[in-house]
Amino acid sequence: MSLAFDTWVLFVRSIKKLVRTPILLFFALIQPIIFLVLFTQLFSSVGPLFSRAAGYGAVTYLSFATAGIVLQNGFSSALQSGTSVVDDLTSGFLEKELVTPVNRAAILLGRLLSDAFRVVVQSAIILVLAFVLGAEITTGIIGVILIFLIVAFFGLAWSGISLAIGLRTKSSETVFGLGGLLTFPLLFMSTALVPTSLMPSWMQTVSQLNPISYAVNAVRALTLTGFDWGTILEAFGIIGLIALLTLGATLYLFRKVVS
């Protein structure tokens, strides 16, 4: 069997599993929807202050925060993707795969692509809801496609961390625990919800080193100002570096498991 065909078959398997248990998609969306519907209303009065401080003019907090909420969903979902690998390990499904002629790389690629696809679907739902609530995307359909590419690439890169943890510990509880431990500190110390200029000085330093900030800035530019290619390409470069490190670690651990 070819790598592409095997990857496609395992990708479809993962998507079918998601379709058959849509409640998983629903629960994954609860937190970002709460942020979108309630958190943006809570800070609606200071929205113009935040947007001006970030250099975007006087826009609503909903418009300002939509990019951060989209990336929050991608980040938190990606960090929980390792639980699926733990399920395959503990159920014996991975062992059954290894006695078939399936390409070994396809086992990992199928999982990564399904995780990226899931993050894009969730992001599309969030963007549609944000549009209904009054947010706009100034770059139109091309901007939306670029947002999906950024989010998919971002989810792919961060899935590597979760998969590596799952392969190393073989514990769903550990994956959930470390995912939760990383999500909120990195989210709140980024430009997702607050502009850098309004943060304490030490937090500004962390935000400038935080890869979430680069992805958020790229998505926010596409929603509020236009095609800022410098910011967009910078985001892809940072995400690419993360992907190189996290997926490299995942591949190393996966080879140890299958051997």
C-alpha atoms as a PDB file:
ATOM      1  CA  MET A   1       0.000   0.000   0.000  1.00  0.00           C
ATOM      2  CA  SER A   2       1.145   3.565  -0.679  1.00  0.00           C
ATOM      3  CA  LEU A   3       1.791   6.152   1.997  1.00  0.00           C
ATOM      4  CA  ALA A   4      -0.888   8.490   0.584  1.00  0.00           C
ATOM      5  CA  PHE A   5      -3.573   5.778   0.445  1.00  0.00           C
ATOM      6  CA  ASP A   6      -2.825   4.478   3.931  1.00  0.00           C
ATOM      7  CA  THR A   7      -2.819   8.006   5.328  1.00  0.00           C
ATOM      8  CA  TRP A   8      -6.172   8.691   3.683  1.00  0.00           C
ATOM      9  CA  VAL A   9      -7.731   5.481   5.092  1.00  0.00           C
ATOM     10  CA  LEU A  10      -6.583   6.257   8.630  1.00  0.00           C
ATOM     11  CA  PHE A  11      -7.633   9.893   8.253  1.00  0.00           C
ATOM     12  CA  VAL A  12     -11.143   8.765   7.242  1.00  0.00           C
ATOM     13  CA  ARG A  13     -11.238   6.385  10.211  1.00  0.00           C
ATOM     14  CA  SER A  14     -10.507   9.233  12.608  1.00  0.00           C
ATOM     15  CA  ILE A  15     -13.109  11.489  10.976  1.00  0.00           C
ATOM     16  CA  LYS A  16     -15.742   8.737  11.138  1.00  0.00           C
ATOM     17  CA  LYS A  17     -14.987   8.330  14.831  1.00  0.00           C
ATOM     18  CA  LEU A  18     -15.567  12.064  15.298  1.00  0.00           C
ATOM     19  CA  VAL A  19     -18.803  12.024  13.276  1.00  0.00           C
ATOM     20  CA  ARG A  20     -20.150   9.078  15.278  1.00  0.00           C
ATOM     21  CA  THR A  21     -19.444  10.891  18.552  1.00  0.00           C
ATOM     22  CA  PRO A  22     -20.325  14.539  17.762  1.00  0.00           C
ATOM     23  CA  ILE A  23     -20.650  15.231  21.481  1.00  0.00           C
ATOM     24  CA  LEU A  24     -16.834  15.384  21.544  1.00  0.00           C
ATOM     25  CA  LEU A  25     -16.909  18.263  19.070  1.00  0.00           C
ATOM     26  CA  PHE A  26     -19.637  19.960  21.097  1.00  0.00           C
ATOM     27  CA  PHE A  27     -17.730  19.816  24.376  1.00  0.00           C
ATOM     28  CA  ALA A  28     -14.554  21.037  22.689  1.00  0.00           C
ATOM     29  CA  LEU A  29     -16.457  24.111  21.507  1.00  0.00           C
ATOM     30  CA  ILE A  30     -18.122  25.008  24.816  1.00  0.00           C
ATOM     31  CA  GLN A  31     -15.185  26.984  26.205  1.00  0.00           C
ATOM     32  CA  PRO A  32     -14.454  29.120  23.092  1.00  0.00           C
ATOM     33  CA  ILE A  33     -18.187  29.774  22.590  1.00  0.00           C
ATOM     34  CA  ILE A  34     -18.470  30.966  26.190  1.00  0.00           C
ATOM     35  CA  PHE A  35     -15.523  33.297  25.568  1.00  0.00           C
ATOM     36  CA  LEU A  36     -17.088  34.512  22.326  1.00  0.00           C
ATOM     37  CA  VAL A  37     -20.598  35.108  23.669  1.00  0.00           C
ATOM     38  CA  LEU A  38     -19.991  36.124  27.298  1.00  0.00           C
ATOM     39  CA  PHE A  39     -16.355  37.221  27.661  1.00  0.00           C
ATOM     40  CA  THR A  40     -16.577  39.669  24.743  1.00  0.00           C
ATOM     41  CA  GLN A  41     -19.758  41.166  26.210  1.00  0.00           C
ATOM     42  CA  LEU A  42     -18.135  41.516  29.618  1.00  0.00           C
ATOM     43  CA  PHE A  43     -15.297  43.596  28.154  1.00  0.00           C
ATOM     44  CA  SER A  44     -17.344  45.351  25.460  1.00  0.00           C
ATOM     45  CA  SER A  45     -16.937  48.756  27.124  1.00  0.00           C
ATOM     46  CA  VAL A  46     -13.133  48.591  26.969  1.00  0.00           C
ATOM     47  CA  GLY A  47     -12.984  47.096  23.476  1.00  0.00           C
ATOM     48  CA  PRO A  48     -12.099  50.390  21.717  1.00  0.00           C
ATOM     49  CA  LEU A  49      -9.363  51.019  24.300  1.00  0.00           C
ATOM     50  CA  PHE A  50      -7.822  47.603  23.607  1.00  0.00           C
ATOM     51  CA  SER A  51      -8.053  47.930  19.829  1.00  0.00           C
ATOM     52  CA  ARG A  52      -6.559  51.449  19.806  1.00  0.00           C
ATOM     53  CA  ALA A  53      -3.709  50.304  22.059  1.00  0.00           C
ATOM     54  CA  ALA A  54      -3.000  47.518  19.584  1.00  0.00           C
ATOM     55  CA  GLY A  55      -3.110  49.919  16.624  1.00  0.00           C
ATOM     56  CA  TYR A  56      -6.328  48.705  15.035  1.00  0.00           C
ATOM     57  CA  GLY A  57      -8.509  51.773  15.602  1.00  0.00           C
ATOM     58  CA  ALA A  58     -11.783  51.788  17.508  1.00  0.00           C
ATOM     59  CA  VAL A  59     -13.295  48.358  16.875  1.00  0.00           C
ATOM     60  CA  THR A  60     -15.492  46.311  19.185  1.00  0.00           C
ATOM     61  CA  TYR A  61     -13.968  43.864  21.630  1.00  0.00           C
ATOM     62  CA  LEU A  62     -15.782  41.071  19.767  1.00  0.00           C
ATOM     63  CA  SER A  63     -13.862  41.954  16.596  1.00  0.00           C
ATOM     64  CA  PHE A  64     -10.605  42.327  18.513  1.00  0.00           C
ATOM     65  CA  ALA A  65     -10.915  39.070  20.480  1.00  0.00           C
ATOM     66  CA  THR A  66     -12.237  36.792  17.717  1.00  0.00           C
ATOM     67  CA  ALA A  67      -8.709  36.014  16.482  1.00  0.00           C
ATOM     68  CA  GLY A  68      -7.590  35.112  20.006  1.00  0.00           C
ATOM     69  CA  ILE A  69     -10.604  32.886  20.611  1.00  0.00           C
ATOM     70  CA  VAL A  70     -10.040  31.052  17.321  1.00  0.00           C
ATOM     71  CA  LEU A  71      -6.420  30.374  18.288  1.00  0.00           C
ATOM     72  CA  GLN A  72      -7.464  29.446  21.832  1.00  0.00           C
ATOM     73  CA  ASN A  73      -9.664  26.732  20.383  1.00  0.00           C
ATOM     74  CA  GLY A  74      -6.900  25.496  18.096  1.00  0.00           C
ATOM     75  CA  PHE A  75      -4.355  25.472  20.903  1.00  0.00           C
ATOM     76  CA  SER A  76      -6.508  23.711  23.505  1.00  0.00           C
ATOM     77  CA  SER A  77      -7.863  21.157  20.997  1.00  0.00           C
ATOM     78  CA  ALA A  78      -4.386  20.355  19.701  1.00  0.00           C
ATOM     79  CA  LEU A  79      -3.044  19.813  23.209  1.00  0.00           C
ATOM     80  CA  GLN A  80      -5.719  17.180  23.869  1.00  0.00           C
ATOM     81  CA  SER A  81      -5.168  15.188  20.666  1.00  0.00           C
ATOM     82  CA  GLY A  82      -2.707  12.831  22.362  1.00  0.00           C
ATOM     83  CA  THR A  83      -5.584  11.103  24.157  1.00  0.00           C
ATOM     84  CA  SER A  84      -6.536   9.388  20.891  1.00  0.00           C
ATOM     85  CA  VAL A  85      -3.089   7.799  20.666  1.00  0.00           C
ATOM     86  CA  VAL A  86      -3.373   6.634  24.270  1.00  0.00           C
ATOM     87  CA  ASP A  87      -6.765   5.076  23.430  1.00  0.00           C
ATOM     88  CA  ASP A  88      -5.241   3.212  20.475  1.00  0.00           C
ATOM     89  CA  LEU A  89      -2.388   1.998  22.669  1.00  0.00           C
ATOM     90  CA  THR A  90      -4.527   0.828  25.586  1.00  0.00           C
ATOM     91  CA  SER A  91      -7.247  -0.734  23.404  1.00  0.00           C
ATOM     92  CA  GLY A  92      -4.736  -2.717  21.382  1.00  0.00           C
ATOM     93  CA  PHE A  93      -5.740  -1.086  18.090  1.00  0.00           C
ATOM     94  CA  LEU A  94      -2.213   0.204  17.431  1.00  0.00           C
ATOM     95  CA  GLU A  95      -0.826  -3.289  17.961  1.00  0.00           C
ATOM     96  CA  LYS A  96      -3.314  -4.630  15.411  1.00  0.00           C
ATOM     97  CA  GLU A  97      -2.262  -1.938  12.933  1.00  0.00           C
ATOM     98  CA  LEU A  98       1.369  -2.928  13.298  1.00  0.00           C
ATOM     99  CA  VAL A  99       0.717  -6.523  12.169  1.00  0.00           C
ATOM    100  CA  THR A 100      -0.885  -5.272   8.932  1.00  0.00           C
ATOM    101  CA  PRO A 101       1.035  -4.044   5.848  1.00  0.00           C
ATOM    102  CA  VAL A 102      -0.010  -0.443   6.577  1.00  0.00           C
ATOM    103  CA  ASN A 103       2.738   2.124   6.143  1.00  0.00           C
ATOM    104  CA  ARG A 104       4.052   3.008   9.604  1.00  0.00           C
ATOM    105  CA  ALA A 105       4.358   6.715   8.797  1.00  0.00           C
ATOM    106  CA  ALA A 106       0.715   6.764   7.688  1.00  0.00           C
ATOM    107  CA  ILE A 107      -0.401   5.833  11.225  1.00  0.00           C
ATOM    108  CA  LEU A 108       1.039   9.089  12.524  1.00  0.00           C
ATOM    109  CA  LEU A 109       0.205  11.226   9.479  1.00  0.00           C
ATOM    110  CA  GLY A 110      -3.430  10.127   9.451  1.00  0.00           C
ATOM    111  CA  ARG A 111      -3.798  11.138  13.071  1.00  0.00           C
ATOM    112  CA  LEU A 112      -2.088  14.512  12.589  1.00  0.00           C
ATOM    113  CA  LEU A 113      -4.151  15.413   9.516  1.00  0.00           C
ATOM    114  CA  SER A 114      -7.412  14.475  11.237  1.00  0.00           C
ATOM    115  CA  ASP A 115      -6.460  16.668  14.200  1.00  0.00           C
ATOM    116  CA  ALA A 116      -5.734  19.589  11.870  1.00  0.00           C
ATOM    117  CA  PHE A 117      -9.029  19.026  10.039  1.00  0.00           C
ATOM    118  CA  ARG A 118     -10.954  18.947  13.325  1.00  0.00           C
ATOM    119  CA  VAL A 119      -9.404  22.235  14.424  1.00  0.00           C
ATOM    120  CA  VAL A 120     -10.383  23.842  11.100  1.00  0.00           C
ATOM    121  CA  VAL A 121     -14.002  22.660  11.454  1.00  0.00           C
ATOM    122  CA  GLN A 122     -14.173  24.049  14.980  1.00  0.00           C
ATOM    123  CA  SER A 123     -12.612  27.326  13.827  1.00  0.00           C
ATOM    124  CA  ALA A 124     -15.159  27.613  11.018  1.00  0.00           C
ATOM    125  CA  ILE A 125     -18.002  27.250  13.531  1.00  0.00           C
ATOM    126  CA  ILE A 126     -16.465  29.944  15.759  1.00  0.00           C
ATOM    127  CA  LEU A 127     -15.966  32.334  12.830  1.00  0.00           C
ATOM    128  CA  VAL A 128     -19.558  31.850  11.642  1.00  0.00           C
ATOM    129  CA  LEU A 129     -20.854  32.536  15.153  1.00  0.00           C
ATOM    130  CA  ALA A 130     -18.602  35.594  15.468  1.00  0.00           C
ATOM    131  CA  PHE A 131     -19.924  36.891  12.129  1.00  0.00           C
ATOM    132  CA  VAL A 132     -23.518  36.404  13.314  1.00  0.00           C
ATOM    133  CA  LEU A 133     -22.700  38.352  16.480  1.00  0.00           C
ATOM    134  CA  GLY A 134     -21.276  41.248  14.453  1.00  0.00           C
ATOM    135  CA  ALA A 135     -17.592  40.573  13.782  1.00  0.00           C
ATOM    136  CA  GLU A 136     -16.209  41.125  10.291  1.00  0.00           C
ATOM    137  CA  ILE A 137     -13.357  39.737   8.204  1.00  0.00           C
ATOM    138  CA  THR A 138     -12.036  42.554   6.046  1.00  0.00           C
ATOM    139  CA  THR A 139     -10.014  40.289   3.733  1.00  0.00           C
ATOM    140  CA  GLY A 140     -13.025  38.267   2.552  1.00  0.00           C
ATOM    141  CA  ILE A 141     -12.918  34.641   1.418  1.00  0.00           C
ATOM    142  CA  ILE A 142      -9.173  34.682   0.683  1.00  0.00           C
ATOM    143  CA  GLY A 143      -8.578  35.924   4.210  1.00  0.00           C
ATOM    144  CA  VAL A 144     -10.775  33.150   5.610  1.00  0.00           C
ATOM    145  CA  ILE A 145      -8.770  30.544   3.674  1.00  0.00           C
ATOM    146  CA  LEU A 146      -5.532  31.975   5.036  1.00  0.00           C
ATOM    147  CA  ILE A 147      -6.975  31.925   8.568  1.00  0.00           C
ATOM    148  CA  PHE A 148      -7.827  28.253   8.143  1.00  0.00           C
ATOM    149  CA  LEU A 149      -4.296  27.531   6.892  1.00  0.00           C
ATOM    150  CA  ILE A 150      -2.758  29.312   9.884  1.00  0.00           C
ATOM    151  CA  VAL A 151      -5.046  27.533  12.341  1.00  0.00           C
ATOM    152  CA  ALA A 152      -4.519  24.111  10.699  1.00  0.00           C
ATOM    153  CA  PHE A 153      -0.737  24.551  10.656  1.00  0.00           C
ATOM    154  CA  PHE A 154      -0.836  25.845  14.234  1.00  0.00           C
ATOM    155  CA  GLY A 155      -2.927  22.863  15.382  1.00  0.00           C
ATOM    156  CA  LEU A 156      -0.619  20.472  13.543  1.00  0.00           C
ATOM    157  CA  ALA A 157       2.436  21.903  15.268  1.00  0.00           C
ATOM    158  CA  TRP A 158       0.970  21.821  18.765  1.00  0.00           C
ATOM    159  CA  SER A 159      -0.562  18.375  18.280  1.00  0.00           C
ATOM    160  CA  GLY A 160       3.018  17.146  18.220  1.00  0.00           C
ATOM    161  CA  ILE A 161       3.410  18.080  21.897  1.00  0.00           C
ATOM    162  CA  SER A 162       0.253  16.245  22.909  1.00  0.00           C
ATOM    163  CA  LEU A 163       1.087  13.180  20.819  1.00  0.00           C
ATOM    164  CA  ALA A 164       4.604  13.062  22.236  1.00  0.00           C
ATOM    165  CA  ILE A 165       3.237  13.231  25.789  1.00  0.00           C
ATOM    166  CA  GLY A 166       0.711  10.494  25.007  1.00  0.00           C
ATOM    167  CA  LEU A 167       3.334   8.223  23.442  1.00  0.00           C
ATOM    168  CA  ARG A 168       5.755   8.843  26.309  1.00  0.00           C
ATOM    169  CA  THR A 169       3.369   8.462  29.262  1.00  0.00           C
ATOM    170  CA  LYS A 170       0.571   6.298  27.770  1.00  0.00           C
ATOM    171  CA  SER A 171      -1.780   8.148  30.134  1.00  0.00           C
ATOM    172  CA  SER A 172      -4.861  10.136  29.081  1.00  0.00           C
ATOM    173  CA  GLU A 173      -4.932  11.821  32.489  1.00  0.00           C
ATOM    174  CA  THR A 174      -1.407  13.120  32.006  1.00  0.00           C
ATOM    175  CA  VAL A 175      -2.260  14.457  28.542  1.00  0.00           C
ATOM    176  CA  PHE A 176      -5.329  16.276  29.896  1.00  0.00           C
ATOM    177  CA  GLY A 177      -3.454  17.573  32.929  1.00  0.00           C
ATOM    178  CA  LEU A 178      -0.460  18.952  31.041  1.00  0.00           C
ATOM    179  CA  GLY A 179      -2.734  20.324  28.321  1.00  0.00           C
ATOM    180  CA  GLY A 180      -4.749  22.268  30.878  1.00  0.00           C
ATOM    181  CA  LEU A 181      -1.578  23.408  32.622  1.00  0.00           C
ATOM    182  CA  LEU A 182      -0.211  24.912  29.410  1.00  0.00           C
ATOM    183  CA  THR A 183      -3.389  26.312  27.859  1.00  0.00           C
ATOM    184  CA  PHE A 184      -4.396  29.203  30.087  1.00  0.00           C
ATOM    185  CA  PRO A 185      -0.966  30.562  31.106  1.00  0.00           C
ATOM    186  CA  LEU A 186       0.165  30.700  27.478  1.00  0.00           C
ATOM    187  CA  LEU A 187      -3.208  32.069  26.348  1.00  0.00           C
ATOM    188  CA  PHE A 188      -3.387  34.910  28.879  1.00  0.00           C
ATOM    189  CA  MET A 189       0.281  35.810  28.386  1.00  0.00           C
ATOM    190  CA  SER A 190      -0.255  36.382  24.673  1.00  0.00           C
ATOM    191  CA  THR A 191      -1.997  38.986  22.541  1.00  0.00           C
ATOM    192  CA  ALA A 192      -5.083  36.749  22.274  1.00  0.00           C
ATOM    193  CA  LEU A 193      -7.291  38.792  24.602  1.00  0.00           C
ATOM    194  CA  VAL A 194      -5.275  41.893  25.568  1.00  0.00           C
ATOM    195  CA  PRO A 195      -2.832  44.056  23.560  1.00  0.00           C
ATOM    196  CA  THR A 196       0.803  43.845  24.606  1.00  0.00           C
ATOM    197  CA  SER A 197       1.016  47.559  25.506  1.00  0.00           C
ATOM    198  CA  LEU A 198      -1.522  47.129  28.324  1.00  0.00           C
ATOM    199  CA  MET A 199       0.284  44.208  29.967  1.00  0.00           C
ATOM    200  CA  PRO A 200       2.736  44.424  32.890  1.00  0.00           C
ATOM    201  CA  SER A 201       6.325  44.732  31.677  1.00  0.00           C
ATOM    202  CA  TRP A 202       7.316  41.160  32.594  1.00  0.00           C
ATOM    203  CA  MET A 203       4.249  39.805  30.819  1.00  0.00           C
ATOM    204  CA  GLN A 204       5.085  41.870  27.732  1.00  0.00           C
ATOM    205  CA  THR A 205       8.404  40.042  27.560  1.00  0.00           C
ATOM    206  CA  VAL A 206       6.687  36.666  27.811  1.00  0.00           C
ATOM    207  CA  SER A 207       4.131  37.692  25.180  1.00  0.00           C
ATOM    208  CA  GLN A 208       6.875  38.653  22.734  1.00  0.00           C
ATOM    209  CA  LEU A 209       8.337  35.153  23.116  1.00  0.00           C
ATOM    210  CA  ASN A 210       4.966  33.411  23.094  1.00  0.00           C
ATOM    211  CA  PRO A 211       4.289  31.680  19.737  1.00  0.00           C
ATOM    212  CA  ILE A 212       0.528  32.092  20.244  1.00  0.00           C
ATOM    213  CA  SER A 213       0.989  35.865  19.938  1.00  0.00           C
ATOM    214  CA  TYR A 214       2.474  35.527  16.445  1.00  0.00           C
ATOM    215  CA  ALA A 215      -0.386  33.346  15.213  1.00  0.00           C
ATOM    216  CA  VAL A 216      -2.999  35.612  16.826  1.00  0.00           C
ATOM    217  CA  ASN A 217      -1.430  38.722  15.293  1.00  0.00           C
ATOM    218  CA  ALA A 218      -1.585  37.152  11.834  1.00  0.00           C
ATOM    219  CA  VAL A 219      -5.226  36.112  12.181  1.00  0.00           C
ATOM    220  CA  ARG A 220      -6.145  39.488  13.710  1.00  0.00           C
ATOM    221  CA  ALA A 221      -4.519  41.329  10.807  1.00  0.00           C
ATOM    222  CA  LEU A 222      -6.593  39.256   8.371  1.00  0.00           C
ATOM    223  CA  THR A 223      -9.804  40.025  10.249  1.00  0.00           C
ATOM    224  CA  LEU A 224      -9.249  43.723  11.016  1.00  0.00           C
ATOM    225  CA  THR A 225      -6.744  45.386   8.674  1.00  0.00           C
ATOM    226  CA  GLY A 226      -5.781  43.348   5.625  1.00  0.00           C
ATOM    227  CA  PHE A 227      -3.005  41.250   4.128  1.00  0.00           C
ATOM    228  CA  ASP A 228      -0.068  42.188   6.344  1.00  0.00           C
ATOM    229  CA  TRP A 229       2.326  39.719   4.723  1.00  0.00           C
ATOM    230  CA  GLY A 230       5.162  40.497   7.100  1.00  0.00           C
ATOM    231  CA  THR A 231       3.050  39.457  10.098  1.00  0.00           C
ATOM    232  CA  ILE A 232       1.545  36.472   8.251  1.00  0.00           C
ATOM    233  CA  LEU A 233       4.882  35.090   7.048  1.00  0.00           C
ATOM    234  CA  GLU A 234       6.419  35.656  10.472  1.00  0.00           C
ATOM    235  CA  ALA A 235       3.626  33.573  11.993  1.00  0.00           C
ATOM    236  CA  PHE A 236       4.194  30.740   9.507  1.00  0.00           C
ATOM    237  CA  GLY A 237       7.920  30.838  10.245  1.00  0.00           C
ATOM    238  CA  ILE A 238       7.437  30.585  14.021  1.00  0.00           C
ATOM    239  CA  ILE A 239       4.816  27.852  13.667  1.00  0.00           C
ATOM    240  CA  GLY A 240       7.083  25.977  11.256  1.00  0.00           C
ATOM    241  CA  LEU A 241       9.912  26.010  13.792  1.00  0.00           C
ATOM    242  CA  ILE A 242       7.580  24.671  16.490  1.00  0.00           C
ATOM    243  CA  ALA A 243       6.331  21.966  14.110  1.00  0.00           C
ATOM    244  CA  LEU A 244       9.902  20.928  13.346  1.00  0.00           C
ATOM    245  CA  LEU A 245      10.659  20.476  17.046  1.00  0.00           C
ATOM    246  CA  THR A 246       7.385  18.926  18.237  1.00  0.00           C
ATOM    247  CA  LEU A 247       6.798  16.607  15.286  1.00  0.00           C
ATOM    248  CA  GLY A 248      10.434  15.540  15.389  1.00  0.00           C
ATOM    249  CA  ALA A 249       9.987  14.499  19.030  1.00  0.00           C
ATOM    250  CA  THR A 250       6.725  12.748  18.147  1.00  0.00           C
ATOM    251  CA  LEU A 251       8.342  10.827  15.295  1.00  0.00           C
ATOM    252  CA  TYR A 252      11.216   9.744  17.556  1.00  0.00           C
ATOM    253  CA  LEU A 253       8.863   8.449  20.263  1.00  0.00           C
ATOM    254  CA  PHE A 254       6.558   6.818  17.717  1.00  0.00           C
ATOM    255  CA  ARG A 255       9.465   4.871  16.220  1.00  0.00           C
ATOM    256  CA  LYS A 256      10.361   3.638  19.700  1.00  0.00           C
ATOM    257  CA  VAL A 257       6.769   2.457  20.243  1.00  0.00           C
ATOM    258  CA  VAL A 258       6.410   0.659  16.911  1.00  0.00           C
ATOM    259  CA  SER A 259       9.812  -1.003  17.273  1.00  0.00           C
END
